[in-house]
Structure formats: structure tokens, C-alpha cells
Amino acid sequence: MFALRLERYLYTKQYPLTCNDLLVAYDILPISVLYFMSNEKWDQDIINQREKILYSLHDEVRKILLGHYAHTE
């Protein structure tokens, strides 16, 4: 949760203090936020589509990191 809030702060310069603030800060919810909000979805997807989910999360983190570094250069 902290990492998502920090990412939004770095991108928008506004720190989301509540879960609702965090949700509103995104135009499209990242998969990590969707899984944070629904443990049942995470449990079901990680059992049924483990590789796809892990690749998606990896790509999301990579996108966040590259996006952040692109903004700071």
C-alpha cells in the first residue's frame, strides 16, 4: 500500500492519505490495486493463472519504475 501511495505522490505530487484517495488518483486501476482490494480475486487468479498474473505484476512494477525515472531525468 505504501509503495502505491508513494508512486502516486511521485507522479501527481499529492500523497493519497486514504484508500479512497488512492483509488481516485488513478485513471485506470493497476492490477496490484485490484488485487489489494479483493483477496478473493487474488486467490482465484493466482491459482488459475499464476504465470499470467506474475508477469502482469512484473510488467506493472517495471512500468512504474521506468515511468518514475523518465519523469526525473
PDB file of N, CA and C in Angstrom:
ATOM      1  N   MET A   1       0.821  -1.182   0.000  1.00  0.00           N
ATOM      2  CA  MET A   1       0.000   0.000   0.000  1.00  0.00           C
ATOM      3  C   MET A   1       0.873   1.256   0.000  1.00  0.00           C
ATOM      4  N   PHE A   2       1.901   1.240   0.819  1.00  0.00           N
ATOM      5  CA  PHE A   2       2.799   2.392   0.877  1.00  0.00           C
ATOM      6  C   PHE A   2       3.444   2.649  -0.476  1.00  0.00           C
ATOM      7  N   ALA A   3       3.863   1.574  -1.136  1.00  0.00           N
ATOM      8  CA  ALA A   3       4.517   1.731  -2.438  1.00  0.00           C
ATOM      9  C   ALA A   3       3.570   2.366  -3.455  1.00  0.00           C
ATOM     10  N   LEU A   4       2.307   1.962  -3.440  1.00  0.00           N
ATOM     11  CA  LEU A   4       1.336   2.540  -4.367  1.00  0.00           C
ATOM     12  C   LEU A   4       1.100   4.010  -4.056  1.00  0.00           C
ATOM     13  N   ARG A   5       1.014   4.333  -2.772  1.00  0.00           N
ATOM     14  CA  ARG A   5       0.821   5.732  -2.388  1.00  0.00           C
ATOM     15  C   ARG A   5       2.035   6.574  -2.776  1.00  0.00           C
ATOM     16  N   LEU A   6       3.205   6.032  -2.556  1.00  0.00           N
ATOM     17  CA  LEU A   6       4.427   6.747  -2.910  1.00  0.00           C
ATOM     18  C   LEU A   6       4.515   6.956  -4.418  1.00  0.00           C
ATOM     19  N   GLU A   7       4.166   5.950  -5.180  1.00  0.00           N
ATOM     20  CA  GLU A   7       4.176   6.079  -6.638  1.00  0.00           C
ATOM     21  C   GLU A   7       3.224   7.186  -7.085  1.00  0.00           C
ATOM     22  N   ARG A   8       2.054   7.242  -6.498  1.00  0.00           N
ATOM     23  CA  ARG A   8       1.095   8.293  -6.865  1.00  0.00           C
ATOM     24  C   ARG A   8       1.609   9.663  -6.466  1.00  0.00           C
ATOM     25  N   TYR A   9       2.264   9.747  -5.320  1.00  0.00           N
ATOM     26  CA  TYR A   9       2.835  11.025  -4.892  1.00  0.00           C
ATOM     27  C   TYR A   9       3.909  11.482  -5.879  1.00  0.00           C
ATOM     28  N   LEU A  10       4.777  10.569  -6.283  1.00  0.00           N
ATOM     29  CA  LEU A  10       5.842  10.931  -7.208  1.00  0.00           C
ATOM     30  C   LEU A  10       5.285  11.361  -8.565  1.00  0.00           C
ATOM     31  N   TYR A  11       4.184  10.755  -8.956  1.00  0.00           N
ATOM     32  CA  TYR A  11       3.595  11.061 -10.261  1.00  0.00           C
ATOM     33  C   TYR A  11       2.719  12.316 -10.226  1.00  0.00           C
ATOM     34  N   THR A  12       1.932  12.487  -9.134  1.00  0.00           N
ATOM     35  CA  THR A  12       0.963  13.579  -9.082  1.00  0.00           C
ATOM     36  C   THR A  12       1.351  14.703  -8.132  1.00  0.00           C
ATOM     37  N   LYS A  13       2.350  14.470  -7.299  1.00  0.00           N
ATOM     38  CA  LYS A  13       2.776  15.431  -6.266  1.00  0.00           C
ATOM     39  C   LYS A  13       1.717  15.622  -5.170  1.00  0.00           C
ATOM     40  N   GLN A  14       0.780  14.691  -5.073  1.00  0.00           N
ATOM     41  CA  GLN A  14      -0.208  14.689  -3.999  1.00  0.00           C
ATOM     42  C   GLN A  14      -0.216  13.297  -3.383  1.00  0.00           C
ATOM     43  N   TYR A  15      -0.019  13.242  -2.046  1.00  0.00           N
ATOM     44  CA  TYR A  15       0.041  11.957  -1.357  1.00  0.00           C
ATOM     45  C   TYR A  15      -1.368  11.518  -0.974  1.00  0.00           C
ATOM     46  N   PRO A  16      -1.822  10.374  -1.444  1.00  0.00           N
ATOM     47  CA  PRO A  16      -3.158   9.887  -1.085  1.00  0.00           C
ATOM     48  C   PRO A  16      -3.177   9.358   0.347  1.00  0.00           C
ATOM     49  N   LEU A  17      -3.917  10.017   1.218  1.00  0.00           N
ATOM     50  CA  LEU A  17      -3.946   9.660   2.633  1.00  0.00           C
ATOM     51  C   LEU A  17      -4.879   8.495   2.935  1.00  0.00           C
ATOM     52  N   THR A  18      -5.908   8.316   2.136  1.00  0.00           N
ATOM     53  CA  THR A  18      -6.870   7.239   2.380  1.00  0.00           C
ATOM     54  C   THR A  18      -6.908   6.296   1.181  1.00  0.00           C
ATOM     55  N   CYS A  19      -7.529   5.151   1.376  1.00  0.00           N
ATOM     56  CA  CYS A  19      -7.694   4.208   0.262  1.00  0.00           C
ATOM     57  C   CYS A  19      -8.533   4.835  -0.840  1.00  0.00           C
ATOM     58  N   ASN A  20      -9.546   5.587  -0.467  1.00  0.00           N
ATOM     59  CA  ASN A  20     -10.366   6.245  -1.470  1.00  0.00           C
ATOM     60  C   ASN A  20      -9.545   7.267  -2.265  1.00  0.00           C
ATOM     61  N   ASP A  21      -8.691   8.032  -1.578  1.00  0.00           N
ATOM     62  CA  ASP A  21      -7.809   8.977  -2.274  1.00  0.00           C
ATOM     63  C   ASP A  21      -6.917   8.251  -3.276  1.00  0.00           C
ATOM     64  N   LEU A  22      -6.439   7.088  -2.879  1.00  0.00           N
ATOM     65  CA  LEU A  22      -5.582   6.305  -3.768  1.00  0.00           C
ATOM     66  C   LEU A  22      -6.357   5.844  -4.994  1.00  0.00           C
ATOM     67  N   LEU A  23      -7.565   5.363  -4.801  1.00  0.00           N
ATOM     68  CA  LEU A  23      -8.380   4.907  -5.922  1.00  0.00           C
ATOM     69  C   LEU A  23      -8.684   6.039  -6.886  1.00  0.00           C
ATOM     70  N   VAL A  24      -8.983   7.202  -6.355  1.00  0.00           N
ATOM     71  CA  VAL A  24      -9.317   8.365  -7.185  1.00  0.00           C
ATOM     72  C   VAL A  24      -8.090   8.866  -7.949  1.00  0.00           C
ATOM     73  N   ALA A  25      -6.897   8.609  -7.424  1.00  0.00           N
ATOM     74  CA  ALA A  25      -5.663   9.107  -8.041  1.00  0.00           C
ATOM     75  C   ALA A  25      -5.332   8.403  -9.361  1.00  0.00           C
ATOM     76  N   TYR A  26      -5.985   7.293  -9.635  1.00  0.00           N
ATOM     77  CA  TYR A  26      -5.718   6.537 -10.861  1.00  0.00           C
ATOM     78  C   TYR A  26      -6.836   6.734 -11.870  1.00  0.00           C
ATOM     79  N   ASP A  27      -6.476   6.908 -13.135  1.00  0.00           N
ATOM     80  CA  ASP A  27      -7.467   6.907 -14.207  1.00  0.00           C
ATOM     81  C   ASP A  27      -7.920   5.470 -14.473  1.00  0.00           C
ATOM     82  N   ILE A  28      -6.945   4.586 -14.547  1.00  0.00           N
ATOM     83  CA  ILE A  28      -7.194   3.153 -14.718  1.00  0.00           C
ATOM     84  C   ILE A  28      -6.501   2.446 -13.558  1.00  0.00           C
ATOM     85  N   LEU A  29      -7.245   1.628 -12.832  1.00  0.00           N
ATOM     86  CA  LEU A  29      -6.662   0.962 -11.667  1.00  0.00           C
ATOM     87  C   LEU A  29      -5.635  -0.078 -12.090  1.00  0.00           C
ATOM     88  N   PRO A  30      -4.454  -0.011 -11.521  1.00  0.00           N
ATOM     89  CA  PRO A  30      -3.444  -1.046 -11.788  1.00  0.00           C
ATOM     90  C   PRO A  30      -3.902  -2.389 -11.216  1.00  0.00           C
ATOM     91  N   ILE A  31      -3.380  -3.446 -11.763  1.00  0.00           N
ATOM     92  CA  ILE A  31      -3.754  -4.781 -11.308  1.00  0.00           C
ATOM     93  C   ILE A  31      -3.408  -4.971  -9.826  1.00  0.00           C
ATOM     94  N   SER A  32      -2.323  -4.372  -9.368  1.00  0.00           N
ATOM     95  CA  SER A  32      -1.950  -4.512  -7.960  1.00  0.00           C
ATOM     96  C   SER A  32      -3.002  -3.905  -7.046  1.00  0.00           C
ATOM     97  N   VAL A  33      -3.604  -2.805  -7.445  1.00  0.00           N
ATOM     98  CA  VAL A  33      -4.659  -2.177  -6.648  1.00  0.00           C
ATOM     99  C   VAL A  33      -5.904  -3.055  -6.652  1.00  0.00           C
ATOM    100  N   LEU A  34      -6.233  -3.620  -7.798  1.00  0.00           N
ATOM    101  CA  LEU A  34      -7.388  -4.514  -7.863  1.00  0.00           C
ATOM    102  C   LEU A  34      -7.210  -5.708  -6.931  1.00  0.00           C
ATOM    103  N   TYR A  35      -6.021  -6.264  -6.917  1.00  0.00           N
ATOM    104  CA  TYR A  35      -5.766  -7.407  -6.035  1.00  0.00           C
ATOM    105  C   TYR A  35      -5.729  -6.985  -4.571  1.00  0.00           C
ATOM    106  N   PHE A  36      -5.243  -5.805  -4.293  1.00  0.00           N
ATOM    107  CA  PHE A  36      -5.247  -5.306  -2.918  1.00  0.00           C
ATOM    108  C   PHE A  36      -6.682  -5.166  -2.409  1.00  0.00           C
ATOM    109  N   MET A  37      -7.576  -4.762  -3.283  1.00  0.00           N
ATOM    110  CA  MET A  37      -8.967  -4.550  -2.889  1.00  0.00           C
ATOM    111  C   MET A  37      -9.754  -5.857  -2.791  1.00  0.00           C
ATOM    112  N   SER A  38      -9.299  -6.908  -3.446  1.00  0.00           N
ATOM    113  CA  SER A  38     -10.053  -8.150  -3.459  1.00  0.00           C
ATOM    114  C   SER A  38      -9.141  -9.362  -3.263  1.00  0.00           C
ATOM    115  N   ASN A  39      -9.067  -9.819  -2.029  1.00  0.00           N
ATOM    116  CA  ASN A  39      -8.266 -11.015  -1.738  1.00  0.00           C
ATOM    117  C   ASN A  39      -8.804 -12.242  -2.464  1.00  0.00           C
ATOM    118  N   GLU A  40     -10.120 -12.290  -2.620  1.00  0.00           N
ATOM    119  CA  GLU A  40     -10.728 -13.434  -3.297  1.00  0.00           C
ATOM    120  C   GLU A  40     -10.278 -13.500  -4.762  1.00  0.00           C
ATOM    121  N   LYS A  41     -10.251 -12.353  -5.421  1.00  0.00           N
ATOM    122  CA  LYS A  41      -9.806 -12.311  -6.814  1.00  0.00           C
ATOM    123  C   LYS A  41      -8.348 -12.753  -6.912  1.00  0.00           C
ATOM    124  N   TRP A  42      -7.514 -12.258  -5.991  1.00  0.00           N
ATOM    125  CA  TRP A  42      -6.113 -12.658  -5.971  1.00  0.00           C
ATOM    126  C   TRP A  42      -5.985 -14.170  -5.807  1.00  0.00           C
ATOM    127  N   ASP A  43      -6.687 -14.725  -4.811  1.00  0.00           N
ATOM    128  CA  ASP A  43      -6.599 -16.161  -4.550  1.00  0.00           C
ATOM    129  C   ASP A  43      -7.020 -16.973  -5.773  1.00  0.00           C
ATOM    130  N   GLN A  44      -8.114 -16.573  -6.378  1.00  0.00           N
ATOM    131  CA  GLN A  44      -8.617 -17.302  -7.547  1.00  0.00           C
ATOM    132  C   GLN A  44      -7.652 -17.186  -8.732  1.00  0.00           C
ATOM    133  N   ASP A  45      -7.211 -15.983  -9.019  1.00  0.00           N
ATOM    134  CA  ASP A  45      -6.345 -15.771 -10.183  1.00  0.00           C
ATOM    135  C   ASP A  45      -4.971 -16.395 -10.003  1.00  0.00           C
ATOM    136  N   ILE A  46      -4.409 -16.322  -8.817  1.00  0.00           N
ATOM    137  CA  ILE A  46      -3.056 -16.873  -8.619  1.00  0.00           C
ATOM    138  C   ILE A  46      -3.077 -18.400  -8.712  1.00  0.00           C
ATOM    139  N   ILE A  47      -4.204 -18.994  -8.386  1.00  0.00           N
ATOM    140  CA  ILE A  47      -4.335 -20.450  -8.534  1.00  0.00           C
ATOM    141  C   ILE A  47      -4.540 -20.822 -10.001  1.00  0.00           C
ATOM    142  N   ASN A  48      -5.417 -20.092 -10.679  1.00  0.00           N
ATOM    143  CA  ASN A  48      -5.801 -20.461 -12.045  1.00  0.00           C
ATOM    144  C   ASN A  48      -4.867 -19.940 -13.135  1.00  0.00           C
ATOM    145  N   GLN A  49      -4.218 -18.792 -12.887  1.00  0.00           N
ATOM    146  CA  GLN A  49      -3.411 -18.153 -13.934  1.00  0.00           C
ATOM    147  C   GLN A  49      -2.097 -17.620 -13.370  1.00  0.00           C
ATOM    148  N   ARG A  50      -1.436 -18.400 -12.593  1.00  0.00           N
ATOM    149  CA  ARG A  50      -0.261 -17.946 -11.853  1.00  0.00           C
ATOM    150  C   ARG A  50       0.758 -17.217 -12.730  1.00  0.00           C
ATOM    151  N   GLU A  51       1.178 -17.815 -13.817  1.00  0.00           N
ATOM    152  CA  GLU A  51       2.214 -17.186 -14.648  1.00  0.00           C
ATOM    153  C   GLU A  51       1.745 -15.865 -15.238  1.00  0.00           C
ATOM    154  N   LYS A  52       0.531 -15.844 -15.757  1.00  0.00           N
ATOM    155  CA  LYS A  52      -0.008 -14.621 -16.346  1.00  0.00           C
ATOM    156  C   LYS A  52      -0.060 -13.495 -15.313  1.00  0.00           C
ATOM    157  N   ILE A  53      -0.515 -13.794 -14.111  1.00  0.00           N
ATOM    158  CA  ILE A  53      -0.635 -12.787 -13.053  1.00  0.00           C
ATOM    159  C   ILE A  53       0.741 -12.288 -12.639  1.00  0.00           C
ATOM    160  N   LEU A  54       1.682 -13.178 -12.445  1.00  0.00           N
ATOM    161  CA  LEU A  54       3.021 -12.761 -12.025  1.00  0.00           C
ATOM    162  C   LEU A  54       3.703 -11.919 -13.101  1.00  0.00           C
ATOM    163  N   TYR A  55       3.538 -12.293 -14.365  1.00  0.00           N
ATOM    164  CA  TYR A  55       4.085 -11.471 -15.448  1.00  0.00           C
ATOM    165  C   TYR A  55       3.427 -10.096 -15.485  1.00  0.00           C
ATOM    166  N   SER A  56       2.118 -10.065 -15.281  1.00  0.00           N
ATOM    167  CA  SER A  56       1.400  -8.785 -15.281  1.00  0.00           C
ATOM    168  C   SER A  56       1.884  -7.875 -14.157  1.00  0.00           C
ATOM    169  N   LEU A  57       2.065  -8.451 -12.982  1.00  0.00           N
ATOM    170  CA  LEU A  57       2.574  -7.653 -11.850  1.00  0.00           C
ATOM    171  C   LEU A  57       3.998  -7.181 -12.109  1.00  0.00           C
ATOM    172  N   HIS A  58       4.811  -8.052 -12.687  1.00  0.00           N
ATOM    173  CA  HIS A  58       6.180  -7.674 -13.033  1.00  0.00           C
ATOM    174  C   HIS A  58       6.176  -6.501 -14.012  1.00  0.00           C
ATOM    175  N   ASP A  59       5.349  -6.601 -15.047  1.00  0.00           N
ATOM    176  CA  ASP A  59       5.276  -5.540 -16.048  1.00  0.00           C
ATOM    177  C   ASP A  59       4.780  -4.232 -15.442  1.00  0.00           C
ATOM    178  N   GLU A  60       3.842  -4.334 -14.506  1.00  0.00           N
ATOM    179  CA  GLU A  60       3.325  -3.129 -13.851  1.00  0.00           C
ATOM    180  C   GLU A  60       4.416  -2.430 -13.034  1.00  0.00           C
ATOM    181  N   VAL A  61       5.160  -3.197 -12.269  1.00  0.00           N
ATOM    182  CA  VAL A  61       6.244  -2.613 -11.473  1.00  0.00           C
ATOM    183  C   VAL A  61       7.293  -1.997 -12.392  1.00  0.00           C
ATOM    184  N   ARG A  62       7.617  -2.681 -13.459  1.00  0.00           N
ATOM    185  CA  ARG A  62       8.597  -2.157 -14.417  1.00  0.00           C
ATOM    186  C   ARG A  62       8.116  -0.835 -15.019  1.00  0.00           C
ATOM    187  N   LYS A  63       6.840  -0.792 -15.389  1.00  0.00           N
ATOM    188  CA  LYS A  63       6.266   0.420 -15.954  1.00  0.00           C
ATOM    189  C   LYS A  63       6.313   1.572 -14.949  1.00  0.00           C
ATOM    190  N   ILE A  64       5.985   1.283 -13.707  1.00  0.00           N
ATOM    191  CA  ILE A  64       6.028   2.312 -12.657  1.00  0.00           C
ATOM    192  C   ILE A  64       7.448   2.832 -12.487  1.00  0.00           C
ATOM    193  N   LEU A  65       8.398   1.923 -12.409  1.00  0.00           N
ATOM    194  CA  LEU A  65       9.793   2.337 -12.210  1.00  0.00           C
ATOM    195  C   LEU A  65      10.319   3.118 -13.409  1.00  0.00           C
ATOM    196  N   LEU A  66      10.050   2.641 -14.603  1.00  0.00           N
ATOM    197  CA  LEU A  66      10.525   3.345 -15.791  1.00  0.00           C
ATOM    198  C   LEU A  66       9.821   4.688 -15.945  1.00  0.00           C
ATOM    199  N   GLY A  67       8.547   4.729 -15.616  1.00  0.00           N
ATOM    200  CA  GLY A  67       7.808   5.981 -15.670  1.00  0.00           C
ATOM    201  C   GLY A  67       8.357   6.996 -14.694  1.00  0.00           C
ATOM    202  N   HIS A  68       8.683   6.529 -13.505  1.00  0.00           N
ATOM    203  CA  HIS A  68       9.246   7.425 -12.488  1.00  0.00           C
ATOM    204  C   HIS A  68      10.600   7.947 -12.936  1.00  0.00           C
ATOM    205  N   TYR A  69      11.455   7.064 -13.419  1.00  0.00           N
ATOM    206  CA  TYR A  69      12.783   7.506 -13.821  1.00  0.00           C
ATOM    207  C   TYR A  69      12.723   8.408 -15.040  1.00  0.00           C
ATOM    208  N   ALA A  70      11.746   8.191 -15.894  1.00  0.00           N
ATOM    209  CA  ALA A  70      11.590   9.083 -17.057  1.00  0.00           C
ATOM    210  C   ALA A  70      11.194  10.485 -16.620  1.00  0.00           C
ATOM    211  N   HIS A  71      10.423  10.589 -15.533  1.00  0.00           N
ATOM    212  CA  HIS A  71       9.992  11.906 -15.037  1.00  0.00           C
ATOM    213  C   HIS A  71      11.119  12.644 -14.315  1.00  0.00           C
ATOM    214  N   THR A  72      12.096  11.902 -13.799  1.00  0.00           N
ATOM    215  CA  THR A  72      13.157  12.535 -13.018  1.00  0.00           C
ATOM    216  C   THR A  72      14.373  12.890 -13.849  1.00  0.00           C
ATOM    217  N   GLU A  73      14.442  12.418 -15.078  1.00  0.00           N
ATOM    218  CA  GLU A  73      15.619  12.694 -15.908  1.00  0.00           C
ATOM    219  C   GLU A  73      15.496  14.022 -16.612  1.00  0.00           C
TER     220      GLU A  73
END
